[in-house]
Amino acid sequence: MSPDQRRITDSRSIPIVKVVVAGDGRVGKTSLIRRHSAGMFQESRVMTIGVDFQTAIVKLDDRSVKLSIWDIAGQDRFGSFRDSFYRGAQAVALVYDVTDLISMNNVPRWQAEIQRVVPKARFMLVGNKIDLHRVVPHAQVAAWARLKGFPYVETSAVTAAGVDEFFGTLARLAFQAS
């Protein structure tokens, strides 16, 4: 078997799990996904319309998992059709911006909206933009995440801080739920 054939066979044996990245518009969901998938930060980004898709292979201990990442538009005007995008998700990252208290205050609404459609999905909380001036108190958010039983990770799409931990945690949650 040639190396190319081995690579094709190996990639077919990797389990695929659906994950959703959700939260208010402009919290940096797409930037985090692109930072992880492409390994770079894109300064200007066009708003996601509806949903965007990416895939990423994440190594978990001695195995790999392929994430089918559904990047959900955060603007209210897309709310009427988001439910169909959530179906089948095994894990969900609820992303907020540490410089924007409103984005954190909206996280419970996002959780309720998604949990109504996929009640068995596992959730995590992600505080993004830690490279900027924090407004949302870390201790308060960490306590809320603990109360809900959600893993909590802080990230920066600009510096890549916490991005690998974010996607590793999301992959682990999805793999455990599948």
N, C-alpha and C. Protein backbone atom coordinates (compact mmCIF):
# COMPACT_ATOMS: atom_id res chain seq x y z
N MET A 1 0.84 -1.18 0.00
CA MET A 1 0.00 0.00 0.00
C MET A 1 0.89 1.24 0.00
N SER A 2 0.60 2.18 -0.88
CA SER A 2 1.40 3.40 -0.97
C SER A 2 1.10 4.32 0.22
N PRO A 3 2.02 5.27 0.52
CA PRO A 3 1.76 6.23 1.60
C PRO A 3 0.46 7.01 1.39
N ASP A 4 0.14 7.37 0.13
CA ASP A 4 -1.10 8.09 -0.14
C ASP A 4 -2.32 7.24 0.17
N GLN A 5 -2.28 5.97 -0.19
CA GLN A 5 -3.40 5.08 0.11
C GLN A 5 -3.56 4.89 1.61
N ARG A 6 -2.42 4.79 2.33
CA ARG A 6 -2.47 4.65 3.78
C ARG A 6 -3.11 5.88 4.42
N ARG A 7 -2.75 7.08 3.94
CA ARG A 7 -3.29 8.33 4.46
C ARG A 7 -4.81 8.37 4.25
N ILE A 8 -5.28 7.95 3.07
CA ILE A 8 -6.71 7.94 2.78
C ILE A 8 -7.42 6.96 3.70
N THR A 9 -6.87 5.76 3.87
CA THR A 9 -7.46 4.76 4.75
C THR A 9 -7.48 5.27 6.18
N ASP A 10 -6.37 5.87 6.64
CA ASP A 10 -6.30 6.38 8.01
C ASP A 10 -7.34 7.46 8.25
N SER A 11 -7.51 8.39 7.29
CA SER A 11 -8.46 9.49 7.50
C SER A 11 -9.90 9.01 7.51
N ARG A 12 -10.17 7.89 6.83
CA ARG A 12 -11.54 7.34 6.83
C ARG A 12 -11.87 6.68 8.15
N SER A 13 -10.87 6.25 8.91
CA SER A 13 -11.13 5.58 10.17
C SER A 13 -11.25 6.55 11.35
N ILE A 14 -11.05 7.83 11.09
CA ILE A 14 -11.16 8.84 12.15
C ILE A 14 -12.63 9.17 12.36
N PRO A 15 -13.12 9.05 13.59
CA PRO A 15 -14.53 9.39 13.84
C PRO A 15 -14.79 10.88 13.58
N ILE A 16 -15.96 11.17 13.02
CA ILE A 16 -16.36 12.55 12.76
C ILE A 16 -17.46 12.92 13.74
N VAL A 17 -17.29 14.06 14.39
CA VAL A 17 -18.29 14.55 15.35
C VAL A 17 -18.69 15.97 14.97
N LYS A 18 -19.97 16.25 15.15
CA LYS A 18 -20.48 17.59 14.84
C LYS A 18 -20.42 18.45 16.10
N VAL A 19 -19.81 19.63 15.93
CA VAL A 19 -19.74 20.59 17.03
C VAL A 19 -20.26 21.94 16.53
N VAL A 20 -20.82 22.70 17.44
CA VAL A 20 -21.36 24.02 17.13
C VAL A 20 -20.59 25.05 17.94
N VAL A 21 -20.26 26.17 17.29
CA VAL A 21 -19.66 27.30 17.97
C VAL A 21 -20.67 28.44 17.87
N ALA A 22 -21.20 28.87 19.03
CA ALA A 22 -22.30 29.84 19.04
C ALA A 22 -22.01 30.97 20.02
N GLY A 23 -22.70 32.07 19.82
CA GLY A 23 -22.58 33.24 20.68
C GLY A 23 -22.94 34.47 19.88
N ASP A 24 -22.98 35.60 20.56
CA ASP A 24 -23.33 36.86 19.90
C ASP A 24 -22.41 37.15 18.72
N GLY A 25 -22.90 37.97 17.81
CA GLY A 25 -22.07 38.44 16.71
C GLY A 25 -20.91 39.26 17.25
N ARG A 26 -19.79 39.16 16.58
CA ARG A 26 -18.59 39.94 16.89
C ARG A 26 -17.83 39.50 18.15
N VAL A 27 -18.12 38.31 18.66
CA VAL A 27 -17.34 37.82 19.81
C VAL A 27 -16.07 37.11 19.37
N GLY A 28 -15.94 36.84 18.06
CA GLY A 28 -14.72 36.24 17.54
C GLY A 28 -14.80 34.75 17.24
N LYS A 29 -16.01 34.23 17.06
CA LYS A 29 -16.16 32.79 16.79
C LYS A 29 -15.41 32.37 15.53
N THR A 30 -15.65 33.07 14.44
CA THR A 30 -15.00 32.72 13.17
C THR A 30 -13.49 32.89 13.27
N SER A 31 -13.04 33.94 13.93
CA SER A 31 -11.60 34.16 14.09
C SER A 31 -10.94 33.02 14.86
N LEU A 32 -11.61 32.52 15.89
CA LEU A 32 -11.07 31.39 16.65
C LEU A 32 -10.99 30.14 15.78
N ILE A 33 -12.04 29.89 15.02
CA ILE A 33 -12.05 28.70 14.15
C ILE A 33 -10.96 28.81 13.10
N ARG A 34 -10.85 29.96 12.49
CA ARG A 34 -9.82 30.14 11.45
C ARG A 34 -8.41 30.10 12.06
N ARG A 35 -8.24 30.61 13.26
CA ARG A 35 -6.94 30.54 13.93
C ARG A 35 -6.55 29.09 14.12
N HIS A 36 -7.50 28.27 14.54
CA HIS A 36 -7.20 26.86 14.75
C HIS A 36 -7.00 26.12 13.43
N SER A 37 -7.89 26.34 12.47
CA SER A 37 -7.85 25.59 11.21
C SER A 37 -6.70 26.03 10.30
N ALA A 38 -6.51 27.36 10.19
CA ALA A 38 -5.49 27.88 9.26
C ALA A 38 -4.21 28.29 9.98
N GLY A 39 -4.24 28.37 11.30
CA GLY A 39 -3.05 28.74 12.05
C GLY A 39 -2.69 30.21 11.96
N MET A 40 -3.68 31.04 11.59
CA MET A 40 -3.38 32.48 11.48
C MET A 40 -4.60 33.30 11.85
N PHE A 41 -4.35 34.55 12.18
CA PHE A 41 -5.42 35.48 12.53
C PHE A 41 -5.67 36.39 11.34
N GLN A 42 -6.93 36.55 10.99
CA GLN A 42 -7.30 37.46 9.90
C GLN A 42 -7.93 38.70 10.53
N GLU A 43 -7.27 39.84 10.33
CA GLU A 43 -7.69 41.11 10.95
C GLU A 43 -9.12 41.49 10.60
N SER A 44 -9.42 41.65 9.32
CA SER A 44 -10.79 42.03 8.97
C SER A 44 -11.53 40.81 8.50
N ARG A 45 -12.75 40.68 8.95
CA ARG A 45 -13.52 39.49 8.66
C ARG A 45 -14.95 39.91 8.34
N VAL A 46 -15.50 39.32 7.32
CA VAL A 46 -16.88 39.58 6.95
C VAL A 46 -17.78 38.78 7.90
N MET A 47 -18.89 39.37 8.29
CA MET A 47 -19.84 38.72 9.19
C MET A 47 -20.33 37.39 8.59
N THR A 48 -20.43 36.38 9.45
CA THR A 48 -20.97 35.09 9.01
C THR A 48 -22.46 35.27 8.73
N ILE A 49 -22.88 34.75 7.60
CA ILE A 49 -24.29 34.82 7.24
C ILE A 49 -24.86 33.41 7.35
N GLY A 50 -25.74 33.21 8.32
CA GLY A 50 -26.35 31.90 8.54
C GLY A 50 -25.41 30.98 9.27
N VAL A 51 -24.61 30.26 8.51
CA VAL A 51 -23.68 29.29 9.10
C VAL A 51 -22.48 29.14 8.17
N ASP A 52 -21.34 28.84 8.75
CA ASP A 52 -20.14 28.54 7.99
C ASP A 52 -19.63 27.19 8.50
N PHE A 53 -18.92 26.48 7.68
CA PHE A 53 -18.43 25.15 8.04
C PHE A 53 -16.92 25.08 7.91
N GLN A 54 -16.31 24.38 8.83
CA GLN A 54 -14.89 24.06 8.77
C GLN A 54 -14.74 22.64 9.29
N THR A 55 -13.64 22.03 8.96
CA THR A 55 -13.30 20.76 9.58
C THR A 55 -11.90 20.87 10.16
N ALA A 56 -11.67 20.12 11.19
CA ALA A 56 -10.35 20.10 11.82
C ALA A 56 -10.16 18.75 12.48
N ILE A 57 -8.96 18.21 12.35
CA ILE A 57 -8.62 16.98 13.04
C ILE A 57 -7.89 17.35 14.32
N VAL A 58 -8.38 16.80 15.43
CA VAL A 58 -7.81 17.09 16.74
C VAL A 58 -7.33 15.77 17.34
N LYS A 59 -6.12 15.79 17.85
CA LYS A 59 -5.53 14.61 18.47
C LYS A 59 -5.94 14.57 19.94
N LEU A 60 -6.51 13.44 20.34
CA LEU A 60 -6.90 13.21 21.73
C LEU A 60 -6.15 11.99 22.23
N ASP A 61 -5.19 12.20 23.08
CA ASP A 61 -4.38 11.11 23.61
C ASP A 61 -3.84 10.24 22.47
N ASP A 62 -4.36 9.01 22.35
CA ASP A 62 -3.84 8.08 21.35
C ASP A 62 -4.73 7.96 20.11
N ARG A 63 -5.71 8.85 19.98
CA ARG A 63 -6.60 8.79 18.82
C ARG A 63 -6.86 10.19 18.29
N SER A 64 -7.41 10.24 17.10
CA SER A 64 -7.77 11.52 16.50
C SER A 64 -9.27 11.57 16.28
N VAL A 65 -9.80 12.79 16.29
CA VAL A 65 -11.21 13.04 16.05
C VAL A 65 -11.31 14.13 15.00
N LYS A 66 -12.20 13.95 14.04
CA LYS A 66 -12.42 14.99 13.04
C LYS A 66 -13.65 15.79 13.46
N LEU A 67 -13.44 17.08 13.66
CA LEU A 67 -14.54 17.96 14.03
C LEU A 67 -15.18 18.53 12.78
N SER A 68 -16.49 18.39 12.68
CA SER A 68 -17.28 19.11 11.68
C SER A 68 -17.79 20.33 12.44
N ILE A 69 -17.16 21.48 12.21
CA ILE A 69 -17.41 22.68 13.01
C ILE A 69 -18.45 23.55 12.32
N TRP A 70 -19.55 23.80 12.99
CA TRP A 70 -20.62 24.65 12.49
C TRP A 70 -20.51 25.99 13.21
N ASP A 71 -20.13 26.99 12.47
CA ASP A 71 -19.93 28.36 12.96
C ASP A 71 -21.25 29.10 12.75
N ILE A 72 -22.00 29.31 13.82
CA ILE A 72 -23.36 29.85 13.74
C ILE A 72 -23.34 31.38 13.81
N ALA A 73 -24.05 32.01 12.87
CA ALA A 73 -24.16 33.48 12.87
C ALA A 73 -24.83 33.93 14.16
N GLY A 74 -24.29 34.98 14.77
CA GLY A 74 -24.79 35.43 16.06
C GLY A 74 -25.83 36.53 16.01
N GLN A 75 -26.04 37.14 14.87
CA GLN A 75 -26.98 38.25 14.79
C GLN A 75 -28.42 37.74 14.91
N ASP A 76 -29.26 38.52 15.59
CA ASP A 76 -30.65 38.14 15.83
C ASP A 76 -31.41 37.85 14.55
N ARG A 77 -31.09 38.55 13.49
CA ARG A 77 -31.85 38.37 12.24
C ARG A 77 -31.73 36.97 11.66
N PHE A 78 -30.74 36.19 12.12
CA PHE A 78 -30.58 34.82 11.63
C PHE A 78 -31.23 33.80 12.57
N GLY A 79 -31.85 34.28 13.64
CA GLY A 79 -32.42 33.39 14.66
C GLY A 79 -33.51 32.47 14.17
N SER A 80 -34.26 32.88 13.17
CA SER A 80 -35.41 32.10 12.73
C SER A 80 -35.03 30.75 12.12
N PHE A 81 -33.82 30.60 11.65
CA PHE A 81 -33.46 29.31 11.05
C PHE A 81 -32.26 28.64 11.71
N ARG A 82 -31.83 29.13 12.87
CA ARG A 82 -30.68 28.51 13.54
C ARG A 82 -30.96 27.10 14.05
N ASP A 83 -32.21 26.84 14.46
CA ASP A 83 -32.53 25.53 15.03
C ASP A 83 -32.07 24.38 14.15
N SER A 84 -32.27 24.52 12.85
CA SER A 84 -31.89 23.43 11.94
C SER A 84 -30.38 23.21 11.91
N PHE A 85 -29.60 24.24 12.22
CA PHE A 85 -28.14 24.09 12.24
C PHE A 85 -27.65 23.36 13.49
N TYR A 86 -28.42 23.40 14.56
CA TYR A 86 -28.01 22.76 15.81
C TYR A 86 -28.20 21.25 15.80
N ARG A 87 -29.16 20.77 15.03
CA ARG A 87 -29.50 19.34 15.05
C ARG A 87 -28.27 18.47 14.81
N GLY A 88 -28.13 17.45 15.68
CA GLY A 88 -27.04 16.50 15.53
C GLY A 88 -25.74 16.90 16.21
N ALA A 89 -25.71 18.09 16.81
CA ALA A 89 -24.48 18.52 17.49
C ALA A 89 -24.25 17.69 18.75
N GLN A 90 -23.01 17.24 18.90
CA GLN A 90 -22.65 16.49 20.09
C GLN A 90 -22.06 17.39 21.17
N ALA A 91 -21.44 18.50 20.74
CA ALA A 91 -20.86 19.44 21.71
C ALA A 91 -21.02 20.85 21.18
N VAL A 92 -21.10 21.79 22.12
CA VAL A 92 -21.33 23.19 21.77
C VAL A 92 -20.38 24.07 22.58
N ALA A 93 -19.74 25.00 21.87
CA ALA A 93 -18.92 26.02 22.54
C ALA A 93 -19.74 27.31 22.55
N LEU A 94 -20.02 27.81 23.74
CA LEU A 94 -20.69 29.08 23.91
C LEU A 94 -19.61 30.14 24.09
N VAL A 95 -19.47 31.03 23.11
CA VAL A 95 -18.37 31.99 23.10
C VAL A 95 -18.90 33.37 23.46
N TYR A 96 -18.17 34.06 24.34
CA TYR A 96 -18.46 35.45 24.66
C TYR A 96 -17.16 36.24 24.58
N ASP A 97 -17.29 37.55 24.57
CA ASP A 97 -16.16 38.48 24.47
C ASP A 97 -15.89 39.04 25.86
N VAL A 98 -14.68 38.85 26.39
CA VAL A 98 -14.36 39.31 27.74
C VAL A 98 -14.40 40.83 27.88
N THR A 99 -14.47 41.54 26.74
CA THR A 99 -14.55 43.01 26.78
C THR A 99 -15.99 43.50 26.66
N ASP A 100 -16.96 42.59 26.64
CA ASP A 100 -18.36 42.94 26.37
C ASP A 100 -19.29 42.18 27.32
N LEU A 101 -19.74 42.85 28.36
CA LEU A 101 -20.60 42.22 29.37
C LEU A 101 -21.91 41.70 28.76
N ILE A 102 -22.46 42.40 27.79
CA ILE A 102 -23.71 41.97 27.17
C ILE A 102 -23.54 40.60 26.52
N SER A 103 -22.40 40.37 25.87
CA SER A 103 -22.18 39.07 25.21
C SER A 103 -22.18 37.93 26.23
N MET A 104 -21.67 38.18 27.45
CA MET A 104 -21.72 37.15 28.49
C MET A 104 -23.12 37.01 29.04
N ASN A 105 -23.81 38.12 29.21
CA ASN A 105 -25.18 38.06 29.72
C ASN A 105 -26.11 37.29 28.77
N ASN A 106 -25.76 37.23 27.49
CA ASN A 106 -26.57 36.51 26.51
C ASN A 106 -26.26 35.02 26.43
N VAL A 107 -25.20 34.57 27.07
CA VAL A 107 -24.81 33.16 27.00
C VAL A 107 -25.92 32.23 27.49
N PRO A 108 -26.61 32.51 28.61
CA PRO A 108 -27.70 31.60 29.01
C PRO A 108 -28.82 31.49 27.96
N ARG A 109 -29.08 32.57 27.25
CA ARG A 109 -30.09 32.53 26.18
C ARG A 109 -29.63 31.59 25.06
N TRP A 110 -28.34 31.69 24.69
CA TRP A 110 -27.79 30.80 23.67
C TRP A 110 -27.89 29.34 24.13
N GLN A 111 -27.53 29.09 25.37
CA GLN A 111 -27.58 27.72 25.88
C GLN A 111 -29.00 27.18 25.81
N ALA A 112 -29.98 27.97 26.26
CA ALA A 112 -31.38 27.52 26.26
C ALA A 112 -31.87 27.26 24.83
N GLU A 113 -31.52 28.14 23.90
CA GLU A 113 -31.94 27.99 22.50
C GLU A 113 -31.41 26.68 21.92
N ILE A 114 -30.14 26.39 22.20
CA ILE A 114 -29.51 25.20 21.64
C ILE A 114 -29.98 23.94 22.36
N GLN A 115 -30.07 24.02 23.67
CA GLN A 115 -30.46 22.85 24.47
C GLN A 115 -31.89 22.40 24.14
N ARG A 116 -32.73 23.32 23.75
CA ARG A 116 -34.10 22.99 23.34
C ARG A 116 -34.09 22.07 22.12
N VAL A 117 -33.12 22.25 21.23
CA VAL A 117 -33.04 21.47 19.99
C VAL A 117 -32.21 20.20 20.18
N VAL A 118 -31.10 20.30 20.91
CA VAL A 118 -30.22 19.15 21.15
C VAL A 118 -29.98 19.00 22.65
N PRO A 119 -30.96 18.43 23.36
CA PRO A 119 -30.88 18.36 24.82
C PRO A 119 -29.71 17.54 25.36
N LYS A 120 -29.16 16.65 24.55
CA LYS A 120 -28.05 15.81 25.04
C LYS A 120 -26.68 16.37 24.69
N ALA A 121 -26.63 17.48 23.99
CA ALA A 121 -25.33 18.08 23.63
C ALA A 121 -24.60 18.50 24.90
N ARG A 122 -23.29 18.41 24.84
CA ARG A 122 -22.44 18.84 25.97
C ARG A 122 -21.93 20.24 25.66
N PHE A 123 -21.86 21.07 26.68
CA PHE A 123 -21.50 22.48 26.51
C PHE A 123 -20.17 22.80 27.17
N MET A 124 -19.54 23.84 26.60
CA MET A 124 -18.38 24.46 27.24
C MET A 124 -18.53 25.96 27.07
N LEU A 125 -17.82 26.72 27.88
CA LEU A 125 -17.84 28.18 27.81
C LEU A 125 -16.46 28.68 27.40
N VAL A 126 -16.45 29.64 26.47
CA VAL A 126 -15.18 30.20 25.98
C VAL A 126 -15.23 31.72 26.09
N GLY A 127 -14.28 32.28 26.83
CA GLY A 127 -14.11 33.73 26.92
C GLY A 127 -13.02 34.14 25.94
N ASN A 128 -13.38 34.90 24.92
CA ASN A 128 -12.43 35.27 23.87
C ASN A 128 -11.97 36.73 24.05
N LYS A 129 -10.90 37.06 23.37
CA LYS A 129 -10.28 38.39 23.31
C LYS A 129 -9.55 38.76 24.60
N ILE A 130 -8.88 37.78 25.20
CA ILE A 130 -8.15 38.05 26.44
C ILE A 130 -6.92 38.93 26.22
N ASP A 131 -6.59 39.19 24.96
CA ASP A 131 -5.48 40.10 24.66
C ASP A 131 -5.91 41.57 24.82
N LEU A 132 -7.19 41.81 25.04
CA LEU A 132 -7.72 43.17 25.19
C LEU A 132 -8.09 43.44 26.65
N HIS A 133 -8.54 44.65 26.94
CA HIS A 133 -8.91 45.03 28.31
C HIS A 133 -10.18 44.31 28.74
N ARG A 134 -10.06 43.50 29.77
CA ARG A 134 -11.18 42.71 30.28
C ARG A 134 -12.19 43.60 31.01
N VAL A 135 -13.47 43.35 30.74
CA VAL A 135 -14.57 44.02 31.43
C VAL A 135 -15.35 43.00 32.25
N VAL A 136 -15.50 41.80 31.72
CA VAL A 136 -16.26 40.73 32.38
C VAL A 136 -15.36 40.07 33.42
N PRO A 137 -15.79 40.07 34.69
CA PRO A 137 -14.96 39.50 35.76
C PRO A 137 -14.74 38.00 35.60
N HIS A 138 -13.48 37.60 35.56
CA HIS A 138 -13.10 36.20 35.37
C HIS A 138 -13.71 35.31 36.45
N ALA A 139 -13.58 35.69 37.71
CA ALA A 139 -14.04 34.84 38.81
C ALA A 139 -15.55 34.59 38.72
N GLN A 140 -16.30 35.59 38.36
CA GLN A 140 -17.76 35.46 38.25
C GLN A 140 -18.13 34.47 37.13
N VAL A 141 -17.48 34.59 35.99
CA VAL A 141 -17.77 33.70 34.86
C VAL A 141 -17.32 32.27 35.17
N ALA A 142 -16.15 32.12 35.75
CA ALA A 142 -15.65 30.79 36.09
C ALA A 142 -16.59 30.10 37.08
N ALA A 143 -17.12 30.87 38.04
CA ALA A 143 -18.06 30.31 39.01
C ALA A 143 -19.35 29.87 38.31
N TRP A 144 -19.84 30.67 37.37
CA TRP A 144 -21.05 30.31 36.62
C TRP A 144 -20.82 29.02 35.83
N ALA A 145 -19.67 28.92 35.17
CA ALA A 145 -19.35 27.72 34.39
C ALA A 145 -19.28 26.50 35.30
N ARG A 146 -18.64 26.63 36.46
CA ARG A 146 -18.56 25.51 37.42
C ARG A 146 -19.95 25.09 37.86
N LEU A 147 -20.81 26.06 38.16
CA LEU A 147 -22.19 25.80 38.58
C LEU A 147 -22.94 25.00 37.52
N LYS A 148 -22.72 25.32 36.25
CA LYS A 148 -23.38 24.63 35.15
C LYS A 148 -22.69 23.31 34.78
N GLY A 149 -21.48 23.10 35.29
CA GLY A 149 -20.72 21.90 34.95
C GLY A 149 -20.05 21.98 33.59
N PHE A 150 -19.80 23.21 33.12
CA PHE A 150 -19.19 23.43 31.81
C PHE A 150 -17.69 23.66 31.96
N PRO A 151 -16.89 23.02 31.12
CA PRO A 151 -15.48 23.42 31.07
C PRO A 151 -15.40 24.89 30.63
N TYR A 152 -14.42 25.61 31.15
CA TYR A 152 -14.27 27.03 30.80
C TYR A 152 -12.84 27.29 30.34
N VAL A 153 -12.72 27.89 29.16
CA VAL A 153 -11.43 28.20 28.57
C VAL A 153 -11.43 29.65 28.14
N GLU A 154 -10.30 30.32 28.31
CA GLU A 154 -10.16 31.69 27.81
C GLU A 154 -9.17 31.67 26.65
N THR A 155 -9.47 32.50 25.64
CA THR A 155 -8.71 32.46 24.39
C THR A 155 -8.42 33.85 23.84
N SER A 156 -7.51 33.86 22.89
CA SER A 156 -7.27 35.03 22.05
C SER A 156 -7.00 34.52 20.64
N ALA A 157 -7.86 34.90 19.71
CA ALA A 157 -7.61 34.52 18.31
C ALA A 157 -6.39 35.25 17.78
N VAL A 158 -6.09 36.43 18.33
CA VAL A 158 -4.95 37.23 17.87
C VAL A 158 -3.64 36.55 18.25
N THR A 159 -3.49 36.17 19.51
CA THR A 159 -2.23 35.60 19.98
C THR A 159 -2.20 34.08 19.95
N ALA A 160 -3.35 33.45 19.74
CA ALA A 160 -3.53 31.99 19.75
C ALA A 160 -3.56 31.41 21.16
N ALA A 161 -3.52 32.25 22.18
CA ALA A 161 -3.57 31.75 23.56
C ALA A 161 -4.87 30.99 23.79
N GLY A 162 -4.75 29.77 24.32
CA GLY A 162 -5.90 28.96 24.68
C GLY A 162 -6.65 28.31 23.53
N VAL A 163 -6.27 28.59 22.28
CA VAL A 163 -7.03 28.08 21.13
C VAL A 163 -6.93 26.56 21.03
N ASP A 164 -5.75 26.00 21.18
CA ASP A 164 -5.61 24.54 21.13
C ASP A 164 -6.37 23.88 22.28
N GLU A 165 -6.31 24.48 23.46
CA GLU A 165 -7.05 23.94 24.61
C GLU A 165 -8.55 23.97 24.32
N PHE A 166 -9.02 25.07 23.74
CA PHE A 166 -10.44 25.20 23.37
C PHE A 166 -10.87 24.04 22.48
N PHE A 167 -10.18 23.84 21.37
CA PHE A 167 -10.60 22.81 20.42
C PHE A 167 -10.36 21.40 20.95
N GLY A 168 -9.33 21.22 21.76
CA GLY A 168 -9.12 19.92 22.40
C GLY A 168 -10.25 19.58 23.36
N THR A 169 -10.68 20.57 24.14
CA THR A 169 -11.79 20.37 25.08
C THR A 169 -13.08 20.10 24.33
N LEU A 170 -13.33 20.87 23.28
CA LEU A 170 -14.54 20.68 22.48
C LEU A 170 -14.56 19.29 21.84
N ALA A 171 -13.43 18.85 21.31
CA ALA A 171 -13.34 17.52 20.70
C ALA A 171 -13.58 16.43 21.73
N ARG A 172 -12.99 16.59 22.91
CA ARG A 172 -13.16 15.60 23.98
C ARG A 172 -14.64 15.50 24.38
N LEU A 173 -15.30 16.64 24.55
CA LEU A 173 -16.73 16.65 24.90
C LEU A 173 -17.55 15.95 23.83
N ALA A 174 -17.29 16.26 22.56
CA ALA A 174 -18.05 15.67 21.46
C ALA A 174 -17.80 14.17 21.36
N PHE A 175 -16.55 13.78 21.54
CA PHE A 175 -16.21 12.36 21.43
C PHE A 175 -16.87 11.58 22.56
N GLN A 176 -16.88 12.14 23.77
CA GLN A 176 -17.52 11.47 24.91
C GLN A 176 -19.04 11.37 24.71
N ALA A 177 -19.62 12.34 24.01
CA ALA A 177 -21.08 12.34 23.80
C ALA A 177 -21.49 11.41 22.67
N SER A 178 -20.54 11.06 21.80
CA SER A 178 -20.92 10.24 20.62
C SER A 178 -21.01 8.77 20.94
